[in-house]
Protein backbone atom coordinates (compact mmCIF):
# COMPACT_ATOMS: atom_id res chain seq x y z
CA MET A 1 7.05 -12.54 -0.34
CA SER A 2 9.23 -10.64 -2.73
CA TYR A 3 11.92 -8.49 -1.11
CA THR A 4 11.45 -5.94 -3.90
CA SER A 5 7.70 -5.63 -3.27
CA ILE A 6 8.30 -4.99 0.43
CA GLU A 7 11.00 -2.42 -0.35
CA ILE A 8 8.73 -0.54 -2.77
CA VAL A 9 6.00 -0.28 -0.12
CA LYS A 10 8.50 0.79 2.56
CA GLU A 11 10.00 3.45 0.29
CA PHE A 12 6.55 4.75 -0.65
CA PHE A 13 5.63 5.35 2.98
CA TRP A 14 9.06 6.70 3.87
CA ILE A 15 9.02 9.25 1.04
CA ASN A 16 5.54 10.32 2.21
CA GLY A 17 6.86 11.27 5.66
CA PHE A 18 6.21 8.09 7.64
CA PHE A 19 8.44 6.34 10.16
CA VAL A 20 8.75 2.82 8.74
CA LEU A 21 9.70 -0.39 10.52
CA GLN A 22 9.71 -3.87 9.00
CA LYS A 23 9.07 -7.01 11.03
CA GLU A 24 9.15 -10.21 9.00
CA ASP A 25 7.01 -9.48 5.91
CA VAL A 26 4.89 -6.82 7.64
CA ILE A 27 5.52 -3.08 7.76
CA PHE A 28 4.60 -0.77 10.64
CA VAL A 29 4.12 2.88 9.66
CA LYS A 30 3.64 5.96 11.79
CA ASN A 31 2.83 9.26 10.09
CA LEU A 32 5.28 11.86 11.41
CA THR A 33 3.39 14.72 9.73
CA PHE A 34 -0.12 13.55 10.57
CA ARG A 35 -2.82 16.18 10.65
CA GLU A 36 -6.43 15.04 10.96
CA LYS A 37 -7.59 14.77 7.36
CA ASN A 38 -10.19 12.67 5.58
CA ASN A 39 -12.15 10.11 7.49
CA LEU A 40 -11.11 6.74 6.08
CA GLU A 41 -13.63 4.74 8.10
CA ASP A 42 -16.04 4.34 5.15
CA LYS A 43 -13.36 3.91 2.49
CA PHE A 44 -11.93 0.44 1.84
CA LEU A 45 -9.77 1.13 -1.22
CA ILE A 46 -7.20 3.83 -0.43
CA GLU A 47 -5.83 6.14 -3.13
CA LYS A 48 -2.67 8.31 -3.08
CA GLU A 49 -4.52 11.36 -1.80
CA ASP A 50 -5.75 9.38 1.23
CA ILE A 51 -2.25 8.46 2.46
CA PRO A 52 -1.80 11.57 4.67
CA SER A 53 -4.97 10.51 6.55
CA ILE A 54 -3.24 7.42 7.92
CA LYS A 55 -1.79 8.07 11.38
CA ASN A 56 -0.66 4.52 12.20
CA GLY A 57 -0.82 1.37 10.13
CA VAL A 58 0.29 -2.20 9.95
CA ILE A 59 0.75 -3.11 6.31
CA LYS A 60 1.06 -6.49 4.67
CA PRO A 61 2.32 -6.29 1.07
CA VAL A 62 1.27 -9.31 -0.97
CA GLY A 63 3.31 -9.12 -4.16
CA TRP A 64 1.59 -11.80 -6.19
CA HIS A 65 1.66 -9.48 -9.18
CA THR A 66 0.13 -11.90 -11.67
CA MET A 67 -3.02 -12.50 -9.61
CA LYS A 68 -6.28 -10.78 -8.90
CA PHE A 69 -7.44 -11.24 -5.34
CA THR A 70 -10.62 -13.17 -6.02
CA PRO A 71 -12.59 -14.82 -3.20
CA SER A 72 -11.08 -18.22 -4.03
CA VAL A 73 -7.49 -16.88 -3.92
CA LEU A 74 -8.19 -15.22 -0.56
CA LYS A 75 -9.90 -18.29 0.92
CA ASN A 76 -7.09 -20.62 -0.21
CA SER A 77 -4.28 -18.37 1.03
CA PRO A 78 -4.47 -18.06 4.83
CA GLU A 79 -0.87 -16.84 4.94
CA ILE A 80 -2.12 -13.47 3.66
CA PHE A 81 -3.83 -12.91 7.00
CA HIS A 82 -1.19 -14.34 9.37
CA PHE A 83 -0.35 -10.87 10.68
CA LEU A 84 -3.86 -10.61 12.12
CA ARG A 85 -3.35 -13.48 14.56
CA PRO A 86 -3.84 -12.37 18.21
CA SER A 87 -0.20 -12.80 19.29
CA PHE A 88 1.06 -10.57 16.46
CA LEU A 89 -1.72 -8.01 17.01
CA ASN A 90 -0.68 -7.75 20.67
CA GLU A 91 2.87 -7.00 19.55
CA ILE A 92 1.55 -4.34 17.16
CA LYS A 93 -0.52 -2.73 19.93
CA LYS A 94 2.62 -2.47 22.09
CA PHE A 95 4.51 -0.86 19.21
CA PHE A 96 1.80 1.78 18.71
CA LYS A 97 1.48 2.21 22.50
CA GLU A 98 -2.22 1.35 22.39
CA GLU A 99 -2.95 4.04 19.75
CA ASN A 100 -5.37 3.03 17.00
CA PHE A 101 -3.90 1.68 13.78
CA PHE A 102 -5.25 0.55 10.43
CA LYS A 103 -4.77 -3.00 9.16
CA ILE A 104 -3.93 -2.63 5.47
CA LEU A 105 -3.18 -5.03 2.63
CA VAL A 106 -1.20 -3.93 -0.42
CA ILE A 107 -2.24 -6.14 -3.31
CA PRO A 108 -1.88 -6.11 -7.11
CA GLY A 109 -5.61 -5.77 -7.77
CA LEU A 110 -9.16 -6.80 -7.19
CA PRO A 111 -11.39 -8.74 -9.59
CA SER A 112 -12.96 -6.70 -12.38
CA SER A 113 -16.36 -8.36 -11.91
CA GLU A 114 -18.40 -6.25 -9.50
CA ASN A 115 -19.82 -9.33 -7.74
CA LEU A 116 -16.41 -10.95 -7.22
CA LYS A 117 -14.94 -7.62 -6.09
CA LYS A 118 -17.70 -7.19 -3.47
CA GLU A 119 -17.23 -10.79 -2.31
CA SER A 120 -13.44 -10.32 -2.01
CA ILE A 121 -13.85 -7.09 -0.05
CA SER A 122 -16.42 -8.71 2.22
CA PHE A 123 -14.08 -11.65 2.90
CA MET A 124 -11.14 -9.36 3.68
CA LYS A 125 -13.28 -7.28 6.05
CA GLU A 126 -14.44 -10.46 7.83
CA LYS A 127 -10.77 -11.36 8.35
CA GLY A 128 -10.08 -7.93 9.89
CA ILE A 129 -8.62 -5.97 6.97
CA GLU A 130 -9.72 -2.34 7.11
CA HIS A 131 -8.15 -1.00 3.92
CA VAL A 132 -6.51 -2.07 0.68
CA ILE A 133 -4.00 -0.18 -1.42
CA LYS A 134 -3.22 -1.47 -4.89
CA PHE A 135 0.41 -1.85 -5.97
CA PRO A 136 -0.11 0.43 -9.00
CA THR A 137 -1.16 3.18 -6.56
CA ILE A 138 1.99 2.60 -4.47
CA ILE A 139 4.32 2.48 -7.49
CA SER A 140 2.86 5.52 -9.26
CA GLY A 141 2.83 7.47 -5.97
CA LEU A 142 6.47 6.63 -5.36
CA ILE A 143 7.54 7.57 -8.89
CA GLU A 144 5.59 10.82 -8.60
CA LYS A 145 7.53 11.79 -5.44
CA ILE A 146 10.97 10.96 -6.85
CA ASN A 147 13.02 13.98 -7.90
CA SER A 148 15.14 13.06 -10.92
CA ARG A 149 17.83 15.57 -9.87
CA GLN A 150 18.24 14.31 -6.29
CA VAL A 151 20.49 11.41 -5.31
CA TYR A 152 18.87 8.85 -2.98
CA HIS A 153 20.51 6.49 -0.48
CA SER A 154 17.89 3.83 -1.17
CA ALA A 155 18.70 1.52 -4.09
CA THR A 156 15.00 1.35 -4.97
CA ASN A 157 14.57 5.13 -5.08
CA GLU A 158 17.88 5.62 -6.87
CA LEU A 159 16.83 3.17 -9.59
CA LEU A 160 13.51 4.99 -9.98
CA ARG A 161 15.33 8.35 -10.07
CA ILE A 162 17.60 7.15 -12.90
CA LEU A 163 14.66 5.77 -14.87
CA LYS A 164 12.78 9.03 -14.33
CA PHE A 165 15.82 11.10 -15.33
CA TYR A 166 16.07 9.22 -18.61
CA GLN A 167 12.33 9.70 -19.12
CA PHE A 168 11.21 6.11 -18.87
CA PHE A 169 8.17 7.53 -17.07
CA SER A 170 6.14 10.32 -18.57
CA GLU A 171 5.55 13.26 -16.25
CA LYS A 172 1.90 13.53 -17.21
CA GLN A 173 -0.40 11.35 -19.25
CA PRO A 174 -1.12 13.01 -22.58
CA PRO A 175 -4.83 13.59 -23.22
CA LEU A 176 -6.46 10.93 -25.32
CA PRO A 177 -7.70 12.26 -28.68
CA PHE A 178 -11.08 10.53 -28.35
CA LYS A 179 -11.73 11.48 -24.72
CA LYS A 180 -14.79 13.66 -24.18
CA LYS A 181 -14.17 17.03 -22.59
């Protein structure tokens, strides 16, 4: 697992008001500003606006950025799900003091084919994954929260701040000329 991918996910949750703890290549998050929000029970793919609805989570970033998580990739990569083994789950339960927590994967993307996407989601659910967040959601959410005029202690956030300051990221997407209104 890429150190940078883990750091990006940690910084995203930290900047969104979570307590963040890393153990091996897994991240434990506890929402310090949690207020009962949306019900995420029926939602597998989490977007930025859903993040405040997470109270506790154990998150496994899988930074294989050149891959789509097709059924065959998932079936041939058991290491993705190692954090769901009973001994590790018991440790997680102790950390959260028996409070409920979501089991979340952060992945680059799902297949574009609807059938393959459904099959991938079904496989992940069978393994015990409750939610997925895509890396583009994490990265764009982190960039959005960075203030270009504030200095950060984190090297990741400081790099993003400098890039934002020099306008390597546009503040808002310009409207497309051919988009219907």
